């Protein structure tokens, strides 16, 4: 008998923190796979939201093991969500992820930074500007997600754990090219910044070919 996806998602409330975390990873993989085939209506928008919801639950879990695996799940799908018609889900997921910067488990902090380092904040800036009330920003703060991400990594550069400090330095160097600052871009537009980066990438390939 075919296993229902909704049955699997119920394990997010299981007593085993490792299993709860694995459910979060599974959710990230499923969302990524669904969004990789947009021409096929595998899940409706409402069903996709149901699959994303356990990731939010896992990010707030009391177990650090679950939280670390939730970071892995988020890394699988957050940028694909932000690039999709369901971009609001990606922004709220990123906002929830950033709350883990002060988690007591060092692996959670390093997983957080590893995920944030691959986020294209040029796209995030565009979405925050245009998606409006679905921007995913903390309800208590209007601070940009980019500012929160940078502040978290800078704070972790002085972490008492050397492994976290090393990860923070590595993540910051990966993150810098993906940041968006209006003063650095023509027309103060994140779309222009994204187009410029893609153009530079294409031209670089042509130069190497010649």
C-alpha atoms as a PDB file:
ATOM      1  CA  UNK A   1       0.000   0.000   0.000  1.00  0.00           C
ATOM      2  CA  UNK A   2       1.320   3.436  -0.940  1.00  0.00           C
ATOM      3  CA  UNK A   3       2.658   5.426   1.998  1.00  0.00           C
ATOM      4  CA  UNK A   4       0.938   8.789   2.396  1.00  0.00           C
ATOM      5  CA  UNK A   5       3.245  11.790   2.682  1.00  0.00           C
ATOM      6  CA  UNK A   6       1.081  13.216   5.453  1.00  0.00           C
ATOM      7  CA  UNK A   7       1.729  10.065   7.517  1.00  0.00           C
ATOM      8  CA  UNK A   8       5.486  10.571   7.267  1.00  0.00           C
ATOM      9  CA  UNK A   9       5.243  14.218   8.270  1.00  0.00           C
ATOM     10  CA  UNK A  10       3.545  13.229  11.526  1.00  0.00           C
ATOM     11  CA  UNK A  11       6.884  11.858  12.758  1.00  0.00           C
ATOM     12  CA  UNK A  12       7.952  15.473  13.342  1.00  0.00           C
ATOM     13  CA  UNK A  13       6.325  15.061  16.771  1.00  0.00           C
ATOM     14  CA  UNK A  14       8.045  11.730  17.541  1.00  0.00           C
ATOM     15  CA  UNK A  15       9.891  11.359  20.852  1.00  0.00           C
ATOM     16  CA  UNK A  16      13.215  10.586  19.105  1.00  0.00           C
ATOM     17  CA  UNK A  17      15.047  13.874  18.272  1.00  0.00           C
ATOM     18  CA  UNK A  18      17.119  12.146  15.572  1.00  0.00           C
ATOM     19  CA  UNK A  19      13.951  10.979  13.829  1.00  0.00           C
ATOM     20  CA  UNK A  20      12.398  14.444  14.079  1.00  0.00           C
ATOM     21  CA  UNK A  21      15.519  15.878  12.488  1.00  0.00           C
ATOM     22  CA  UNK A  22      15.475  13.290   9.718  1.00  0.00           C
ATOM     23  CA  UNK A  23      11.889  14.275   8.943  1.00  0.00           C
ATOM     24  CA  UNK A  24      13.093  17.869   8.541  1.00  0.00           C
ATOM     25  CA  UNK A  25      15.826  16.754   6.131  1.00  0.00           C
ATOM     26  CA  UNK A  26      13.265  14.702   4.211  1.00  0.00           C
ATOM     27  CA  UNK A  27      10.998  17.746   3.942  1.00  0.00           C
ATOM     28  CA  UNK A  28      13.846  19.821   2.534  1.00  0.00           C
ATOM     29  CA  UNK A  29      14.664  17.151  -0.048  1.00  0.00           C
ATOM     30  CA  UNK A  30      11.009  16.792  -1.061  1.00  0.00           C
ATOM     31  CA  UNK A  31      10.543  20.553  -1.486  1.00  0.00           C
ATOM     32  CA  UNK A  32      13.733  20.739  -3.540  1.00  0.00           C
ATOM     33  CA  UNK A  33      12.619  17.872  -5.781  1.00  0.00           C
ATOM     34  CA  UNK A  34       9.153  19.355  -6.282  1.00  0.00           C
ATOM     35  CA  UNK A  35      10.500  22.787  -7.207  1.00  0.00           C
ATOM     36  CA  UNK A  36      13.065  21.240  -9.562  1.00  0.00           C
ATOM     37  CA  UNK A  37      10.183  20.008 -11.745  1.00  0.00           C
ATOM     38  CA  UNK A  38       7.890  23.072 -11.995  1.00  0.00           C
ATOM     39  CA  UNK A  39       6.266  21.747 -15.177  1.00  0.00           C
ATOM     40  CA  UNK A  40       4.727  18.913 -13.155  1.00  0.00           C
ATOM     41  CA  UNK A  41       2.085  19.735 -10.556  1.00  0.00           C
ATOM     42  CA  UNK A  42       3.355  17.229  -7.978  1.00  0.00           C
ATOM     43  CA  UNK A  43       2.088  19.234  -4.996  1.00  0.00           C
ATOM     44  CA  UNK A  44      -0.399  22.074  -4.798  1.00  0.00           C
ATOM     45  CA  UNK A  45       0.714  25.330  -3.111  1.00  0.00           C
ATOM     46  CA  UNK A  46      -1.207  24.305   0.019  1.00  0.00           C
ATOM     47  CA  UNK A  47       0.429  20.858   0.056  1.00  0.00           C
ATOM     48  CA  UNK A  48       3.859  22.421  -0.437  1.00  0.00           C
ATOM     49  CA  UNK A  49       3.213  24.658   2.567  1.00  0.00           C
ATOM     50  CA  UNK A  50       2.312  21.550   4.586  1.00  0.00           C
ATOM     51  CA  UNK A  51       5.710  20.041   3.724  1.00  0.00           C
ATOM     52  CA  UNK A  52       7.555  23.236   4.687  1.00  0.00           C
ATOM     53  CA  UNK A  53       5.754  23.503   8.041  1.00  0.00           C
ATOM     54  CA  UNK A  54       7.711  20.667   9.760  1.00  0.00           C
ATOM     55  CA  UNK A  55      10.919  22.555   8.969  1.00  0.00           C
ATOM     56  CA  UNK A  56       9.641  25.479  11.042  1.00  0.00           C
ATOM     57  CA  UNK A  57       8.719  23.091  13.843  1.00  0.00           C
ATOM     58  CA  UNK A  58      12.162  21.458  13.773  1.00  0.00           C
ATOM     59  CA  UNK A  59      13.988  24.809  13.790  1.00  0.00           C
ATOM     60  CA  UNK A  60      12.243  25.628  17.079  1.00  0.00           C
ATOM     61  CA  UNK A  61      12.795  22.175  18.589  1.00  0.00           C
ATOM     62  CA  UNK A  62      14.219  21.890  22.098  1.00  0.00           C
ATOM     63  CA  UNK A  63      16.744  19.304  20.883  1.00  0.00           C
ATOM     64  CA  UNK A  64      19.962  20.620  19.341  1.00  0.00           C
ATOM     65  CA  UNK A  65      20.232  17.413  17.303  1.00  0.00           C
ATOM     66  CA  UNK A  66      16.899  18.155  15.660  1.00  0.00           C
ATOM     67  CA  UNK A  67      17.829  21.802  15.081  1.00  0.00           C
ATOM     68  CA  UNK A  68      21.082  20.851  13.375  1.00  0.00           C
ATOM     69  CA  UNK A  69      19.314  18.487  10.994  1.00  0.00           C
ATOM     70  CA  UNK A  70      16.651  21.139  10.403  1.00  0.00           C
ATOM     71  CA  UNK A  71      19.430  23.443   9.161  1.00  0.00           C
ATOM     72  CA  UNK A  72      20.435  20.729   6.702  1.00  0.00           C
ATOM     73  CA  UNK A  73      16.845  20.459   5.515  1.00  0.00           C
ATOM     74  CA  UNK A  74      16.582  24.211   5.057  1.00  0.00           C
ATOM     75  CA  UNK A  75      19.814  24.284   3.058  1.00  0.00           C
ATOM     76  CA  UNK A  76      18.318  21.762   0.634  1.00  0.00           C
ATOM     77  CA  UNK A  77      15.402  23.975  -0.338  1.00  0.00           C
ATOM     78  CA  UNK A  78      15.477  27.584   0.880  1.00  0.00           C
ATOM     79  CA  UNK A  79      16.959  29.186  -2.242  1.00  0.00           C
ATOM     80  CA  UNK A  80      14.701  27.174  -4.536  1.00  0.00           C
ATOM     81  CA  UNK A  81      11.732  28.376  -2.504  1.00  0.00           C
ATOM     82  CA  UNK A  82      12.923  31.976  -2.787  1.00  0.00           C
ATOM     83  CA  UNK A  83      13.223  31.556  -6.557  1.00  0.00           C
ATOM     84  CA  UNK A  84       9.720  30.107  -6.845  1.00  0.00           C
ATOM     85  CA  UNK A  85       6.177  31.454  -6.799  1.00  0.00           C
ATOM     86  CA  UNK A  86       6.159  30.446  -3.125  1.00  0.00           C
ATOM     87  CA  UNK A  87       8.999  32.847  -2.287  1.00  0.00           C
ATOM     88  CA  UNK A  88       7.256  33.997   0.889  1.00  0.00           C
ATOM     89  CA  UNK A  89       7.763  30.513   2.339  1.00  0.00           C
ATOM     90  CA  UNK A  90      11.478  30.797   1.682  1.00  0.00           C
ATOM     91  CA  UNK A  91      11.736  34.152   3.420  1.00  0.00           C
ATOM     92  CA  UNK A  92       9.881  33.024   6.529  1.00  0.00           C
ATOM     93  CA  UNK A  93      12.061  29.903   6.641  1.00  0.00           C
ATOM     94  CA  UNK A  94      15.228  31.997   6.440  1.00  0.00           C
ATOM     95  CA  UNK A  95      13.940  34.288   9.174  1.00  0.00           C
ATOM     96  CA  UNK A  96      13.276  31.304  11.460  1.00  0.00           C
ATOM     97  CA  UNK A  97      16.711  29.864  10.678  1.00  0.00           C
ATOM     98  CA  UNK A  98      18.509  33.013  11.822  1.00  0.00           C
ATOM     99  CA  UNK A  99      17.112  32.615  15.343  1.00  0.00           C
ATOM    100  CA  UNK A 100      19.520  29.704  15.871  1.00  0.00           C
ATOM    101  CA  UNK A 101      22.629  31.910  16.054  1.00  0.00           C
ATOM    102  CA  UNK A 102      22.765  31.583  19.851  1.00  0.00           C
ATOM    103  CA  UNK A 103      22.015  27.849  20.050  1.00  0.00           C
ATOM    104  CA  UNK A 104      24.150  26.138  22.697  1.00  0.00           C
ATOM    105  CA  UNK A 105      25.311  23.309  20.400  1.00  0.00           C
ATOM    106  CA  UNK A 106      28.330  24.334  18.313  1.00  0.00           C
ATOM    107  CA  UNK A 107      27.339  22.157  15.345  1.00  0.00           C
ATOM    108  CA  UNK A 108      24.014  23.989  15.092  1.00  0.00           C
ATOM    109  CA  UNK A 109      25.841  27.299  14.880  1.00  0.00           C
ATOM    110  CA  UNK A 110      28.211  26.020  12.197  1.00  0.00           C
ATOM    111  CA  UNK A 111      25.355  24.469  10.177  1.00  0.00           C
ATOM    112  CA  UNK A 112      23.503  27.776  10.403  1.00  0.00           C
ATOM    113  CA  UNK A 113      26.467  29.697   9.004  1.00  0.00           C
ATOM    114  CA  UNK A 114      27.094  27.120   6.289  1.00  0.00           C
ATOM    115  CA  UNK A 115      23.507  27.552   5.132  1.00  0.00           C
ATOM    116  CA  UNK A 116      23.499  31.348   5.324  1.00  0.00           C
ATOM    117  CA  UNK A 117      26.776  31.585   3.377  1.00  0.00           C
ATOM    118  CA  UNK A 118      25.059  30.242   0.249  1.00  0.00           C
ATOM    119  CA  UNK A 119      22.075  32.615   0.370  1.00  0.00           C
ATOM    120  CA  UNK A 120      21.885  35.170  -2.456  1.00  0.00           C
ATOM    121  CA  UNK A 121      20.892  38.291  -0.545  1.00  0.00           C
ATOM    122  CA  UNK A 122      20.488  40.238  -3.783  1.00  0.00           C
ATOM    123  CA  UNK A 123      17.422  38.095  -4.423  1.00  0.00           C
ATOM    124  CA  UNK A 124      16.367  38.373  -0.781  1.00  0.00           C
ATOM    125  CA  UNK A 125      16.562  42.188  -0.985  1.00  0.00           C
ATOM    126  CA  UNK A 126      14.329  42.151  -4.063  1.00  0.00           C
ATOM    127  CA  UNK A 127      11.792  39.870  -2.395  1.00  0.00           C
ATOM    128  CA  UNK A 128      11.704  41.883   0.827  1.00  0.00           C
ATOM    129  CA  UNK A 129      11.033  44.982  -1.231  1.00  0.00           C
ATOM    130  CA  UNK A 130       8.320  43.482  -3.417  1.00  0.00           C
ATOM    131  CA  UNK A 131       6.634  40.646  -1.538  1.00  0.00           C
ATOM    132  CA  UNK A 132       5.416  43.054   1.130  1.00  0.00           C
ATOM    133  CA  UNK A 133       3.716  41.632   4.201  1.00  0.00           C
ATOM    134  CA  UNK A 134       5.024  38.165   3.313  1.00  0.00           C
ATOM    135  CA  UNK A 135       8.604  39.353   3.618  1.00  0.00           C
ATOM    136  CA  UNK A 136       9.370  36.924   6.404  1.00  0.00           C
ATOM    137  CA  UNK A 137      10.907  39.559   8.641  1.00  0.00           C
ATOM    138  CA  UNK A 138      10.569  39.179  12.369  1.00  0.00           C
ATOM    139  CA  UNK A 139       7.257  40.640  13.476  1.00  0.00           C
ATOM    140  CA  UNK A 140       9.046  42.534  16.253  1.00  0.00           C
ATOM    141  CA  UNK A 141      11.680  44.015  13.958  1.00  0.00           C
ATOM    142  CA  UNK A 142      11.889  45.556  10.514  1.00  0.00           C
ATOM    143  CA  UNK A 143      15.585  44.695  10.265  1.00  0.00           C
ATOM    144  CA  UNK A 144      16.547  43.214   6.904  1.00  0.00           C
ATOM    145  CA  UNK A 145      17.348  39.526   6.747  1.00  0.00           C
ATOM    146  CA  UNK A 146      20.765  40.377   5.322  1.00  0.00           C
ATOM    147  CA  UNK A 147      21.556  42.593   8.301  1.00  0.00           C
ATOM    148  CA  UNK A 148      20.478  39.863  10.705  1.00  0.00           C
ATOM    149  CA  UNK A 149      22.597  37.275   8.883  1.00  0.00           C
ATOM    150  CA  UNK A 150      25.725  39.431   8.831  1.00  0.00           C
ATOM    151  CA  UNK A 151      25.269  40.400  12.486  1.00  0.00           C
ATOM    152  CA  UNK A 152      24.945  36.734  13.453  1.00  0.00           C
ATOM    153  CA  UNK A 153      28.146  35.723  11.666  1.00  0.00           C
ATOM    154  CA  UNK A 154      30.099  38.703  12.997  1.00  0.00           C
ATOM    155  CA  UNK A 155      28.959  37.824  16.510  1.00  0.00           C
ATOM    156  CA  UNK A 156      30.111  34.235  16.052  1.00  0.00           C
ATOM    157  CA  UNK A 157      33.576  35.404  14.992  1.00  0.00           C
ATOM    158  CA  UNK A 158      34.205  35.946  18.701  1.00  0.00           C
ATOM    159  CA  UNK A 159      32.607  32.665  19.816  1.00  0.00           C
ATOM    160  CA  UNK A 160      34.411  30.854  22.634  1.00  0.00           C
ATOM    161  CA  UNK A 161      34.638  27.713  20.478  1.00  0.00           C
ATOM    162  CA  UNK A 162      37.501  27.832  17.973  1.00  0.00           C
ATOM    163  CA  UNK A 163      35.634  25.575  15.553  1.00  0.00           C
ATOM    164  CA  UNK A 164      32.768  28.057  15.431  1.00  0.00           C
ATOM    165  CA  UNK A 165      35.144  30.983  14.908  1.00  0.00           C
ATOM    166  CA  UNK A 166      36.811  29.160  12.027  1.00  0.00           C
ATOM    167  CA  UNK A 167      33.433  28.365  10.448  1.00  0.00           C
ATOM    168  CA  UNK A 168      32.333  31.988  10.893  1.00  0.00           C
ATOM    169  CA  UNK A 169      35.416  33.293   9.075  1.00  0.00           C
ATOM    170  CA  UNK A 170      34.962  30.822   6.216  1.00  0.00           C
ATOM    171  CA  UNK A 171      31.241  31.581   5.938  1.00  0.00           C
ATOM    172  CA  UNK A 172      31.801  35.333   5.914  1.00  0.00           C
ATOM    173  CA  UNK A 173      34.238  35.095   2.999  1.00  0.00           C
ATOM    174  CA  UNK A 174      31.678  33.052   1.031  1.00  0.00           C
ATOM    175  CA  UNK A 175      28.832  35.363   1.974  1.00  0.00           C
ATOM    176  CA  UNK A 176      30.354  38.723   0.981  1.00  0.00           C
ATOM    177  CA  UNK A 177      29.926  38.307  -2.827  1.00  0.00           C
ATOM    178  CA  UNK A 178      26.218  37.559  -2.281  1.00  0.00           C
ATOM    179  CA  UNK A 179      25.437  40.664  -0.217  1.00  0.00           C
ATOM    180  CA  UNK A 180      23.452  43.595  -1.575  1.00  0.00           C
ATOM    181  CA  UNK A 181      24.120  47.233  -0.749  1.00  0.00           C
ATOM    182  CA  UNK A 182      22.173  49.891  -2.628  1.00  0.00           C
ATOM    183  CA  UNK A 183      25.109  52.317  -2.748  1.00  0.00           C
ATOM    184  CA  UNK A 184      27.157  49.790  -4.745  1.00  0.00           C
ATOM    185  CA  UNK A 185      24.581  49.151  -7.467  1.00  0.00           C
ATOM    186  CA  UNK A 186      23.236  51.122 -10.401  1.00  0.00           C
ATOM    187  CA  UNK A 187      19.713  52.435  -9.742  1.00  0.00           C
ATOM    188  CA  UNK A 188      19.954  50.954  -6.225  1.00  0.00           C
ATOM    189  CA  UNK A 189      18.213  47.909  -7.654  1.00  0.00           C
ATOM    190  CA  UNK A 190      18.881  44.288  -6.601  1.00  0.00           C
ATOM    191  CA  UNK A 191      17.649  43.087 -10.009  1.00  0.00           C
ATOM    192  CA  UNK A 192      20.424  45.093 -11.663  1.00  0.00           C
ATOM    193  CA  UNK A 193      22.913  43.543  -9.247  1.00  0.00           C
ATOM    194  CA  UNK A 194      21.746  40.012 -10.100  1.00  0.00           C
ATOM    195  CA  UNK A 195      21.827  40.731 -13.851  1.00  0.00           C
ATOM    196  CA  UNK A 196      25.288  42.219 -13.548  1.00  0.00           C
ATOM    197  CA  UNK A 197      26.579  39.139 -11.730  1.00  0.00           C
ATOM    198  CA  UNK A 198      25.114  36.783 -14.357  1.00  0.00           C
ATOM    199  CA  UNK A 199      26.559  38.883 -17.182  1.00  0.00           C
ATOM    200  CA  UNK A 200      29.993  38.898 -15.575  1.00  0.00           C
ATOM    201  CA  UNK A 201      29.821  35.125 -15.163  1.00  0.00           C
ATOM    202  CA  UNK A 202      28.950  34.603 -18.852  1.00  0.00           C
ATOM    203  CA  UNK A 203      31.664  36.987 -20.037  1.00  0.00           C
ATOM    204  CA  UNK A 204      34.209  35.221 -17.859  1.00  0.00           C
ATOM    205  CA  UNK A 205      33.426  31.947 -19.630  1.00  0.00           C
ATOM    206  CA  UNK A 206      33.892  33.614 -23.034  1.00  0.00           C
ATOM    207  CA  UNK A 207      37.247  35.055 -21.994  1.00  0.00           C
ATOM    208  CA  UNK A 208      38.484  31.639 -20.858  1.00  0.00           C
ATOM    209  CA  UNK A 209      37.316  30.031 -24.113  1.00  0.00           C
ATOM    210  CA  UNK A 210      39.279  32.573 -26.146  1.00  0.00           C
END
